[in-house]
Amino acid sequence: MLMEQLAQNITNLVRQAGGVWGIAVEDLQSGERFGLNEHGGFMAASLIKLPIMAAVYAAAYEGRLRLDDQVSLRAGDKAGGSGILQHMAPGMVMSIKDLITLMIIQSDNTATNMLIDLIGPEPIRRTMLDLGMQQSVFANKTGLFLTDPPGQNITTAADVSLLLRKLASGSFISRHACADMIAVMKLQQLGNGLAERLPAPSASTVGRIPEWQWAGKTGSLTGIAHEAGVLYVGHRSIIVSVLSESTANPGDVRKMISSIGEQVFLFACGTH
């Protein structure tokens, strides 16, 4: 499958789905890419946790902290929504790296806000600019219900893809830091569907289905379902960012995102 065919297939899928979509797909090896409303702004939801992770690694690289530094959970740190730390007793001690892992693989809002408090909002905004995320905005913490919020966290499919390209190519901070962040993303326990339909190799299919890995992050709010990451298929690395805003049934949106993931996998395999 050529990139042009992939673009047409995905465009047809989202036309059927309705709602508003922002999509960016890039083959890191060939440089081929496809974008659909990729510069359209969406509420970032938990995709904002990707640049927060990058900002913490930048702080470690600059010597402002160490990833193995220990921090203690306080009662005031707890935030609602996703994650397990909100249910833990105050005084629990963990490393900064543990907080990053919880923020990414369980989308833990408490861990996220602890990291924001640790480094401050300005380093996060500066990191987003360093990554080229010119259309994205970091405004507030996650999982908090504020009567007068300072603003919404905003991002685009194009900006998320820029971040992912930097990580996948090892060109942000250091190759080791990028590899470490990708390794955390490969531990992802949540999903909105991009990897849901990808085939699991079995004894009957060995030799016909390339090995693949998914390093991703989701973002979900009422009416919003995002997923982005890097799909590794054989020697190929495909960056995928899918952002959506829809009044459709969440299950139907998930099916659509999984159909997009299936199309990207077929493209990566060279399947017609």
C-alpha atoms as a PDB file:
ATOM      1  CA  MET A   1       0.000   0.000   0.000  1.00  0.00           C
ATOM      2  CA  LEU A   2       1.311   3.441  -0.936  1.00  0.00           C
ATOM      3  CA  MET A   3       0.965   6.498   1.299  1.00  0.00           C
ATOM      4  CA  GLU A   4      -1.524   7.971  -1.188  1.00  0.00           C
ATOM      5  CA  GLN A   5      -3.761   4.917  -0.812  1.00  0.00           C
ATOM      6  CA  LEU A   6      -3.445   5.019   2.975  1.00  0.00           C
ATOM      7  CA  ALA A   7      -4.467   8.676   2.950  1.00  0.00           C
ATOM      8  CA  GLN A   8      -7.514   7.905   0.825  1.00  0.00           C
ATOM      9  CA  ASN A   9      -8.541   4.970   3.002  1.00  0.00           C
ATOM     10  CA  ILE A  10      -8.297   7.004   6.208  1.00  0.00           C
ATOM     11  CA  THR A  11     -10.114   9.968   4.662  1.00  0.00           C
ATOM     12  CA  ASN A  12     -12.975   7.689   3.630  1.00  0.00           C
ATOM     13  CA  LEU A  13     -13.159   6.209   7.126  1.00  0.00           C
ATOM     14  CA  VAL A  14     -13.436   9.531   8.944  1.00  0.00           C
ATOM     15  CA  ARG A  15     -15.991  10.854   6.457  1.00  0.00           C
ATOM     16  CA  GLN A  16     -18.211   7.950   7.428  1.00  0.00           C
ATOM     17  CA  ALA A  17     -17.583   8.546  11.127  1.00  0.00           C
ATOM     18  CA  GLY A  18     -18.586  12.198  11.314  1.00  0.00           C
ATOM     19  CA  GLY A  19     -17.282  14.509  14.015  1.00  0.00           C
ATOM     20  CA  VAL A  20     -14.010  16.429  13.830  1.00  0.00           C
ATOM     21  CA  TRP A  21     -10.737  14.605  13.287  1.00  0.00           C
ATOM     22  CA  GLY A  22      -7.101  15.623  13.198  1.00  0.00           C
ATOM     23  CA  ILE A  23      -4.743  12.991  11.822  1.00  0.00           C
ATOM     24  CA  ALA A  24      -1.058  12.837  10.958  1.00  0.00           C
ATOM     25  CA  VAL A  25       0.836   9.770   9.736  1.00  0.00           C
ATOM     26  CA  GLU A  26       4.532   9.710   8.896  1.00  0.00           C
ATOM     27  CA  ASP A  27       6.918   7.005   7.724  1.00  0.00           C
ATOM     28  CA  LEU A  28      10.109   7.853   9.585  1.00  0.00           C
ATOM     29  CA  GLN A  29      12.302   5.929   7.131  1.00  0.00           C
ATOM     30  CA  SER A  30      11.011   7.324   3.824  1.00  0.00           C
ATOM     31  CA  GLY A  31       9.825  10.708   5.083  1.00  0.00           C
ATOM     32  CA  GLU A  32       6.431  10.205   3.432  1.00  0.00           C
ATOM     33  CA  ARG A  33       3.582  11.722   5.390  1.00  0.00           C
ATOM     34  CA  PHE A  34      -0.139  12.382   5.331  1.00  0.00           C
ATOM     35  CA  GLY A  35      -2.164  14.944   7.245  1.00  0.00           C
ATOM     36  CA  LEU A  36      -5.894  15.531   7.619  1.00  0.00           C
ATOM     37  CA  ASN A  37      -6.814  18.680   9.567  1.00  0.00           C
ATOM     38  CA  GLU A  38      -3.466  18.115  11.254  1.00  0.00           C
ATOM     39  CA  HIS A  39      -3.168  21.749  12.362  1.00  0.00           C
ATOM     40  CA  GLY A  40      -6.661  21.869  13.846  1.00  0.00           C
ATOM     41  CA  GLY A  41      -6.618  22.559  17.578  1.00  0.00           C
ATOM     42  CA  PHE A  42      -8.159  20.097  20.046  1.00  0.00           C
ATOM     43  CA  MET A  43      -8.365  19.943  23.809  1.00  0.00           C
ATOM     44  CA  ALA A  44      -5.234  17.924  24.504  1.00  0.00           C
ATOM     45  CA  ALA A  45      -6.664  15.768  27.298  1.00  0.00           C
ATOM     46  CA  SER A  46      -3.929  13.374  28.433  1.00  0.00           C
ATOM     47  CA  LEU A  47      -1.789  13.819  25.316  1.00  0.00           C
ATOM     48  CA  ILE A  48      -0.395  16.832  27.204  1.00  0.00           C
ATOM     49  CA  LYS A  49       1.441  14.274  29.336  1.00  0.00           C
ATOM     50  CA  LEU A  50       3.865  13.558  26.482  1.00  0.00           C
ATOM     51  CA  PRO A  51       5.505  17.020  26.531  1.00  0.00           C
ATOM     52  CA  ILE A  52       5.391  16.950  30.348  1.00  0.00           C
ATOM     53  CA  MET A  53       7.432  13.728  30.231  1.00  0.00           C
ATOM     54  CA  ALA A  54       9.851  15.342  27.788  1.00  0.00           C
ATOM     55  CA  ALA A  55      10.198  18.397  30.050  1.00  0.00           C
ATOM     56  CA  VAL A  56      11.067  16.236  33.066  1.00  0.00           C
ATOM     57  CA  TYR A  57      13.729  14.404  31.054  1.00  0.00           C
ATOM     58  CA  ALA A  58      15.077  17.783  29.910  1.00  0.00           C
ATOM     59  CA  ALA A  59      15.305  18.892  33.543  1.00  0.00           C
ATOM     60  CA  ALA A  60      17.227  15.712  34.368  1.00  0.00           C
ATOM     61  CA  TYR A  61      19.562  16.235  31.403  1.00  0.00           C
ATOM     62  CA  GLU A  62      20.249  19.793  32.579  1.00  0.00           C
ATOM     63  CA  GLY A  63      21.057  18.538  36.074  1.00  0.00           C
ATOM     64  CA  ARG A  64      18.079  20.163  37.814  1.00  0.00           C
ATOM     65  CA  LEU A  65      16.909  16.786  39.115  1.00  0.00           C
ATOM     66  CA  ARG A  66      17.659  13.080  38.910  1.00  0.00           C
ATOM     67  CA  LEU A  67      15.138  10.541  37.706  1.00  0.00           C
ATOM     68  CA  ASP A  68      15.913   8.374  40.736  1.00  0.00           C
ATOM     69  CA  ASP A  69      15.210  11.231  43.180  1.00  0.00           C
ATOM     70  CA  GLN A  70      12.548  10.212  45.693  1.00  0.00           C
ATOM     71  CA  VAL A  71       9.324  12.161  46.231  1.00  0.00           C
ATOM     72  CA  SER A  72       6.557  11.692  48.776  1.00  0.00           C
ATOM     73  CA  LEU A  73       2.830  11.668  48.018  1.00  0.00           C
ATOM     74  CA  ARG A  74       0.913  14.358  49.917  1.00  0.00           C
ATOM     75  CA  ALA A  75      -2.835  14.456  50.492  1.00  0.00           C
ATOM     76  CA  GLY A  76      -3.037  17.709  48.526  1.00  0.00           C
ATOM     77  CA  ASP A  77      -1.397  16.086  45.489  1.00  0.00           C
ATOM     78  CA  LYS A  78      -4.340  13.818  44.812  1.00  0.00           C
ATOM     79  CA  ALA A  79      -6.375  14.416  41.653  1.00  0.00           C
ATOM     80  CA  GLY A  80      -9.453  12.655  40.335  1.00  0.00           C
ATOM     81  CA  GLY A  81      -9.906  10.867  37.048  1.00  0.00           C
ATOM     82  CA  SER A  82      -7.464   8.228  35.874  1.00  0.00           C
ATOM     83  CA  GLY A  83      -4.692   6.689  37.923  1.00  0.00           C
ATOM     84  CA  ILE A  84      -4.127   4.791  41.157  1.00  0.00           C
ATOM     85  CA  LEU A  85      -2.174   7.297  43.267  1.00  0.00           C
ATOM     86  CA  GLN A  86      -5.388   9.064  44.276  1.00  0.00           C
ATOM     87  CA  HIS A  87      -6.245   5.897  46.219  1.00  0.00           C
ATOM     88  CA  MET A  88      -2.898   5.578  47.998  1.00  0.00           C
ATOM     89  CA  ALA A  89      -2.104   6.756  51.523  1.00  0.00           C
ATOM     90  CA  PRO A  90      -0.171  10.028  51.872  1.00  0.00           C
ATOM     91  CA  GLY A  91       3.488   9.460  52.647  1.00  0.00           C
ATOM     92  CA  MET A  92       4.017   6.889  49.909  1.00  0.00           C
ATOM     93  CA  VAL A  93       7.513   7.381  48.473  1.00  0.00           C
ATOM     94  CA  MET A  94       8.457   6.789  44.847  1.00  0.00           C
ATOM     95  CA  SER A  95      11.021   7.945  42.316  1.00  0.00           C
ATOM     96  CA  ILE A  96      10.497  10.611  39.685  1.00  0.00           C
ATOM     97  CA  LYS A  97      10.879   7.852  37.083  1.00  0.00           C
ATOM     98  CA  ASP A  98       8.044   5.958  38.785  1.00  0.00           C
ATOM     99  CA  LEU A  99       5.845   9.062  38.510  1.00  0.00           C
ATOM    100  CA  ILE A 100       6.658   9.343  34.796  1.00  0.00           C
ATOM    101  CA  THR A 101       5.786   5.691  34.255  1.00  0.00           C
ATOM    102  CA  LEU A 102       2.448   6.042  36.050  1.00  0.00           C
ATOM    103  CA  MET A 103       1.676   9.249  34.153  1.00  0.00           C
ATOM    104  CA  ILE A 104       2.237   7.557  30.792  1.00  0.00           C
ATOM    105  CA  ILE A 105       1.087   3.947  31.133  1.00  0.00           C
ATOM    106  CA  GLN A 106      -1.893   4.563  33.444  1.00  0.00           C
ATOM    107  CA  SER A 107      -2.417   8.238  32.604  1.00  0.00           C
ATOM    108  CA  ASP A 108      -2.253   8.943  36.337  1.00  0.00           C
ATOM    109  CA  ASN A 109      -3.407  12.518  36.975  1.00  0.00           C
ATOM    110  CA  THR A 110      -1.919  12.672  40.466  1.00  0.00           C
ATOM    111  CA  ALA A 111       1.504  11.624  39.163  1.00  0.00           C
ATOM    112  CA  THR A 112       1.176  14.199  36.395  1.00  0.00           C
ATOM    113  CA  ASN A 113       0.415  17.053  38.770  1.00  0.00           C
ATOM    114  CA  MET A 114       3.259  16.056  41.085  1.00  0.00           C
ATOM    115  CA  LEU A 115       5.639  16.299  38.125  1.00  0.00           C
ATOM    116  CA  ILE A 116       4.188  19.680  37.118  1.00  0.00           C
ATOM    117  CA  ASP A 117       4.755  20.961  40.668  1.00  0.00           C
ATOM    118  CA  LEU A 118       8.271  19.545  40.599  1.00  0.00           C
ATOM    119  CA  ILE A 119       9.505  21.363  37.490  1.00  0.00           C
ATOM    120  CA  GLY A 120       6.987  24.205  37.109  1.00  0.00           C
ATOM    121  CA  PRO A 121       4.839  25.212  34.116  1.00  0.00           C
ATOM    122  CA  GLU A 122       7.388  27.372  32.298  1.00  0.00           C
ATOM    123  CA  PRO A 123       9.884  24.550  31.617  1.00  0.00           C
ATOM    124  CA  ILE A 124       6.993  22.567  30.127  1.00  0.00           C
ATOM    125  CA  ARG A 125       6.076  25.435  27.810  1.00  0.00           C
ATOM    126  CA  ARG A 126       9.731  25.928  26.880  1.00  0.00           C
ATOM    127  CA  THR A 127      10.120  22.228  26.100  1.00  0.00           C
ATOM    128  CA  MET A 128       7.042  22.332  23.868  1.00  0.00           C
ATOM    129  CA  LEU A 129       8.631  25.175  21.895  1.00  0.00           C
ATOM    130  CA  ASP A 130      11.950  23.299  21.727  1.00  0.00           C
ATOM    131  CA  LEU A 131      10.049  20.336  20.281  1.00  0.00           C
ATOM    132  CA  GLY A 132       8.439  22.566  17.639  1.00  0.00           C
ATOM    133  CA  MET A 133       4.950  22.371  19.152  1.00  0.00           C
ATOM    134  CA  GLN A 134       4.139  25.938  18.120  1.00  0.00           C
ATOM    135  CA  GLN A 135       0.365  25.459  18.050  1.00  0.00           C
ATOM    136  CA  SER A 136       0.083  23.726  21.417  1.00  0.00           C
ATOM    137  CA  VAL A 137      -0.698  25.288  24.790  1.00  0.00           C
ATOM    138  CA  PHE A 138      -0.023  24.089  28.321  1.00  0.00           C
ATOM    139  CA  ALA A 139      -2.368  25.960  30.669  1.00  0.00           C
ATOM    140  CA  ASN A 140      -3.272  23.837  33.668  1.00  0.00           C
ATOM    141  CA  LYS A 141      -2.966  20.635  35.646  1.00  0.00           C
ATOM    142  CA  THR A 142      -4.982  17.481  35.007  1.00  0.00           C
ATOM    143  CA  GLY A 143      -7.885  15.880  36.831  1.00  0.00           C
ATOM    144  CA  LEU A 144      -8.872  19.052  38.689  1.00  0.00           C
ATOM    145  CA  PHE A 145     -12.305  20.639  38.519  1.00  0.00           C
ATOM    146  CA  LEU A 146     -11.603  24.363  38.729  1.00  0.00           C
ATOM    147  CA  THR A 147     -14.295  27.051  38.868  1.00  0.00           C
ATOM    148  CA  ASP A 148     -12.025  29.496  37.047  1.00  0.00           C
ATOM    149  CA  PRO A 149      -9.465  27.492  35.051  1.00  0.00           C
ATOM    150  CA  PRO A 150      -6.536  29.448  33.558  1.00  0.00           C
ATOM    151  CA  GLY A 151      -7.282  27.972  30.150  1.00  0.00           C
ATOM    152  CA  GLN A 152      -7.368  24.726  28.233  1.00  0.00           C
ATOM    153  CA  ASN A 153      -4.464  22.524  27.272  1.00  0.00           C
ATOM    154  CA  ILE A 154      -4.503  22.501  23.471  1.00  0.00           C
ATOM    155  CA  THR A 155      -2.632  20.498  20.855  1.00  0.00           C
ATOM    156  CA  THR A 156      -2.765  19.391  17.224  1.00  0.00           C
ATOM    157  CA  ALA A 157      -2.039  16.154  15.406  1.00  0.00           C
ATOM    158  CA  ALA A 158       0.901  17.845  13.682  1.00  0.00           C
ATOM    159  CA  ASP A 159       2.437  19.009  16.960  1.00  0.00           C
ATOM    160  CA  VAL A 160       2.090  15.618  18.626  1.00  0.00           C
ATOM    161  CA  SER A 161       3.721  14.030  15.589  1.00  0.00           C
ATOM    162  CA  LEU A 162       6.631  16.474  15.826  1.00  0.00           C
ATOM    163  CA  LEU A 163       7.239  15.367  19.406  1.00  0.00           C
ATOM    164  CA  LEU A 164       6.999  11.693  18.469  1.00  0.00           C
ATOM    165  CA  ARG A 165       9.387  12.163  15.542  1.00  0.00           C
ATOM    166  CA  LYS A 166      11.972  13.691  17.888  1.00  0.00           C
ATOM    167  CA  LEU A 167      11.651  10.789  20.314  1.00  0.00           C
ATOM    168  CA  ALA A 168      11.620   8.057  17.660  1.00  0.00           C
ATOM    169  CA  SER A 169      14.661   9.514  15.884  1.00  0.00           C
ATOM    170  CA  GLY A 170      16.573  10.110  19.107  1.00  0.00           C
ATOM    171  CA  SER A 171      16.977  13.810  18.349  1.00  0.00           C
ATOM    172  CA  PHE A 172      15.630  15.369  21.567  1.00  0.00           C
ATOM    173  CA  ILE A 173      18.135  15.849  24.416  1.00  0.00           C
ATOM    174  CA  SER A 174      19.980  12.561  23.832  1.00  0.00           C
ATOM    175  CA  ARG A 175      19.449   9.237  22.131  1.00  0.00           C
ATOM    176  CA  HIS A 176      19.457   7.515  25.516  1.00  0.00           C
ATOM    177  CA  ALA A 177      16.745   9.809  26.911  1.00  0.00           C
ATOM    178  CA  CYS A 178      14.598   9.324  23.807  1.00  0.00           C
ATOM    179  CA  ALA A 179      14.998   5.545  23.944  1.00  0.00           C
ATOM    180  CA  ASP A 180      14.039   5.610  27.619  1.00  0.00           C
ATOM    181  CA  MET A 181      10.860   7.599  26.925  1.00  0.00           C
ATOM    182  CA  ILE A 182       9.880   5.307  24.054  1.00  0.00           C
ATOM    183  CA  ALA A 183      10.475   2.297  26.325  1.00  0.00           C
ATOM    184  CA  VAL A 184       8.026   3.744  28.864  1.00  0.00           C
ATOM    185  CA  MET A 185       5.442   4.309  26.123  1.00  0.00           C
ATOM    186  CA  LYS A 186       5.773   0.671  25.036  1.00  0.00           C
ATOM    187  CA  LEU A 187       4.482  -0.322  28.490  1.00  0.00           C
ATOM    188  CA  GLN A 188       1.173   1.453  27.818  1.00  0.00           C
ATOM    189  CA  GLN A 189      -1.782  -0.194  29.571  1.00  0.00           C
ATOM    190  CA  LEU A 190      -4.543   1.976  28.108  1.00  0.00           C
ATOM    191  CA  GLY A 191      -5.715   2.367  24.536  1.00  0.00           C
ATOM    192  CA  ASN A 192      -8.352   4.044  22.411  1.00  0.00           C
ATOM    193  CA  GLY A 193      -8.014   1.456  19.676  1.00  0.00           C
ATOM    194  CA  LEU A 194      -5.047   2.155  17.386  1.00  0.00           C
ATOM    195  CA  ALA A 195      -3.371  -1.164  18.209  1.00  0.00           C
ATOM    196  CA  GLU A 196      -6.584  -3.043  18.954  1.00  0.00           C
ATOM    197  CA  ARG A 197      -6.928  -4.816  15.590  1.00  0.00           C
ATOM    198  CA  LEU A 198      -3.278  -5.526  14.985  1.00  0.00           C
ATOM    199  CA  PRO A 199      -2.661  -9.257  14.566  1.00  0.00           C
ATOM    200  CA  ALA A 200      -1.074 -11.320  17.308  1.00  0.00           C
ATOM    201  CA  PRO A 201       1.487 -13.746  15.836  1.00  0.00           C
ATOM    202  CA  SER A 202       0.688 -17.401  16.441  1.00  0.00           C
ATOM    203  CA  ALA A 203       2.182 -20.746  15.542  1.00  0.00           C
ATOM    204  CA  SER A 204       0.088 -20.852  12.381  1.00  0.00           C
ATOM    205  CA  THR A 205       1.176 -17.417  11.169  1.00  0.00           C
ATOM    206  CA  VAL A 206       4.860 -17.272  12.044  1.00  0.00           C
ATOM    207  CA  GLY A 207       6.788 -15.995   9.046  1.00  0.00           C
ATOM    208  CA  ARG A 208       3.818 -14.127   7.566  1.00  0.00           C
ATOM    209  CA  ILE A 209       3.125 -11.418  10.154  1.00  0.00           C
ATOM    210  CA  PRO A 210       6.025  -9.052  10.890  1.00  0.00           C
ATOM    211  CA  GLU A 211       6.880  -8.451  14.506  1.00  0.00           C
ATOM    212  CA  TRP A 212       5.448  -5.176  15.744  1.00  0.00           C
ATOM    213  CA  GLN A 213       5.507  -2.972  18.825  1.00  0.00           C
ATOM    214  CA  TRP A 214       3.357  -0.020  19.811  1.00  0.00           C
ATOM    215  CA  ALA A 215       4.645   2.904  21.887  1.00  0.00           C
ATOM    216  CA  GLY A 216       1.661   5.118  22.547  1.00  0.00           C
ATOM    217  CA  LYS A 217      -0.365   7.501  24.672  1.00  0.00           C
ATOM    218  CA  THR A 218      -4.090   8.124  24.868  1.00  0.00           C
ATOM    219  CA  GLY A 219      -6.159  11.163  25.727  1.00  0.00           C
ATOM    220  CA  SER A 220      -9.833  11.024  26.643  1.00  0.00           C
ATOM    221  CA  LEU A 221     -12.501  13.431  27.880  1.00  0.00           C
ATOM    222  CA  THR A 222     -16.243  13.522  27.315  1.00  0.00           C
ATOM    223  CA  GLY A 223     -16.669  13.598  23.533  1.00  0.00           C
ATOM    224  CA  ILE A 224     -12.915  13.435  22.972  1.00  0.00           C
ATOM    225  CA  ALA A 225     -10.797  10.393  22.104  1.00  0.00           C
ATOM    226  CA  HIS A 226      -7.159  10.746  21.073  1.00  0.00           C
ATOM    227  CA  GLU A 227      -4.344   8.281  20.582  1.00  0.00           C
ATOM    228  CA  ALA A 228      -0.850   8.815  19.268  1.00  0.00           C
ATOM    229  CA  GLY A 229       2.388   6.912  19.151  1.00  0.00           C
ATOM    230  CA  VAL A 230       5.004   5.106  17.123  1.00  0.00           C
ATOM    231  CA  LEU A 231       4.209   1.807  15.416  1.00  0.00           C
ATOM    232  CA  TYR A 232       7.321  -0.319  14.910  1.00  0.00           C
ATOM    233  CA  VAL A 233       6.812  -2.967  12.233  1.00  0.00           C
ATOM    234  CA  GLY A 234       9.914  -4.882  11.245  1.00  0.00           C
ATOM    235  CA  HIS A 235      12.507  -2.222  10.391  1.00  0.00           C
ATOM    236  CA  ARG A 236       9.908   0.516   9.875  1.00  0.00           C
ATOM    237  CA  SER A 237       8.787   3.211  12.302  1.00  0.00           C
ATOM    238  CA  ILE A 238       5.428   4.841  11.585  1.00  0.00           C
ATOM    239  CA  ILE A 239       4.301   7.872  13.580  1.00  0.00           C
ATOM    240  CA  VAL A 240       0.534   8.063  14.055  1.00  0.00           C
ATOM    241  CA  SER A 241      -1.479  10.824  15.722  1.00  0.00           C
ATOM    242  CA  VAL A 242      -5.272  10.577  15.783  1.00  0.00           C
ATOM    243  CA  LEU A 243      -7.284  13.281  17.550  1.00  0.00           C
ATOM    244  CA  SER A 244     -11.074  13.286  17.534  1.00  0.00           C
ATOM    245  CA  GLU A 245     -14.035  15.219  18.860  1.00  0.00           C
ATOM    246  CA  SER A 246     -17.411  13.606  18.347  1.00  0.00           C
ATOM    247  CA  THR A 247     -20.883  13.209  19.817  1.00  0.00           C
ATOM    248  CA  ALA A 248     -20.948   9.614  18.563  1.00  0.00           C
ATOM    249  CA  ASN A 249     -21.050   6.614  20.872  1.00  0.00           C
ATOM    250  CA  PRO A 250     -17.548   6.173  22.387  1.00  0.00           C
ATOM    251  CA  GLY A 251     -17.569   2.537  21.299  1.00  0.00           C
ATOM    252  CA  ASP A 252     -18.121   3.585  17.682  1.00  0.00           C
ATOM    253  CA  VAL A 253     -15.292   6.121  17.900  1.00  0.00           C
ATOM    254  CA  ARG A 254     -12.997   3.430  19.286  1.00  0.00           C
ATOM    255  CA  LYS A 255     -13.904   1.138  16.378  1.00  0.00           C
ATOM    256  CA  MET A 256     -13.043   3.924  13.945  1.00  0.00           C
ATOM    257  CA  ILE A 257      -9.681   4.552  15.600  1.00  0.00           C
ATOM    258  CA  SER A 258      -8.941   0.819  15.496  1.00  0.00           C
ATOM    259  CA  SER A 259      -9.800   0.793  11.774  1.00  0.00           C
ATOM    260  CA  ILE A 260      -7.304   3.613  11.238  1.00  0.00           C
ATOM    261  CA  GLY A 261      -4.678   1.637  13.149  1.00  0.00           C
ATOM    262  CA  GLU A 262      -5.370  -1.399  10.994  1.00  0.00           C
ATOM    263  CA  GLN A 263      -4.860   0.639   7.824  1.00  0.00           C
ATOM    264  CA  VAL A 264      -1.564   2.025   9.117  1.00  0.00           C
ATOM    265  CA  PHE A 265      -0.382  -1.494   9.941  1.00  0.00           C
ATOM    266  CA  LEU A 266      -1.228  -2.711   6.421  1.00  0.00           C
ATOM    267  CA  PHE A 267       0.721   0.240   5.027  1.00  0.00           C
ATOM    268  CA  ALA A 268       3.715  -0.599   7.227  1.00  0.00           C
ATOM    269  CA  CYS A 269       3.588  -4.220   6.050  1.00  0.00           C
ATOM    270  CA  GLY A 270       3.413  -3.164   2.406  1.00  0.00           C
ATOM    271  CA  THR A 271       0.068  -4.947   2.040  1.00  0.00           C
ATOM    272  CA  HIS A 272      -2.133  -3.933  -0.873  1.00  0.00           C
END
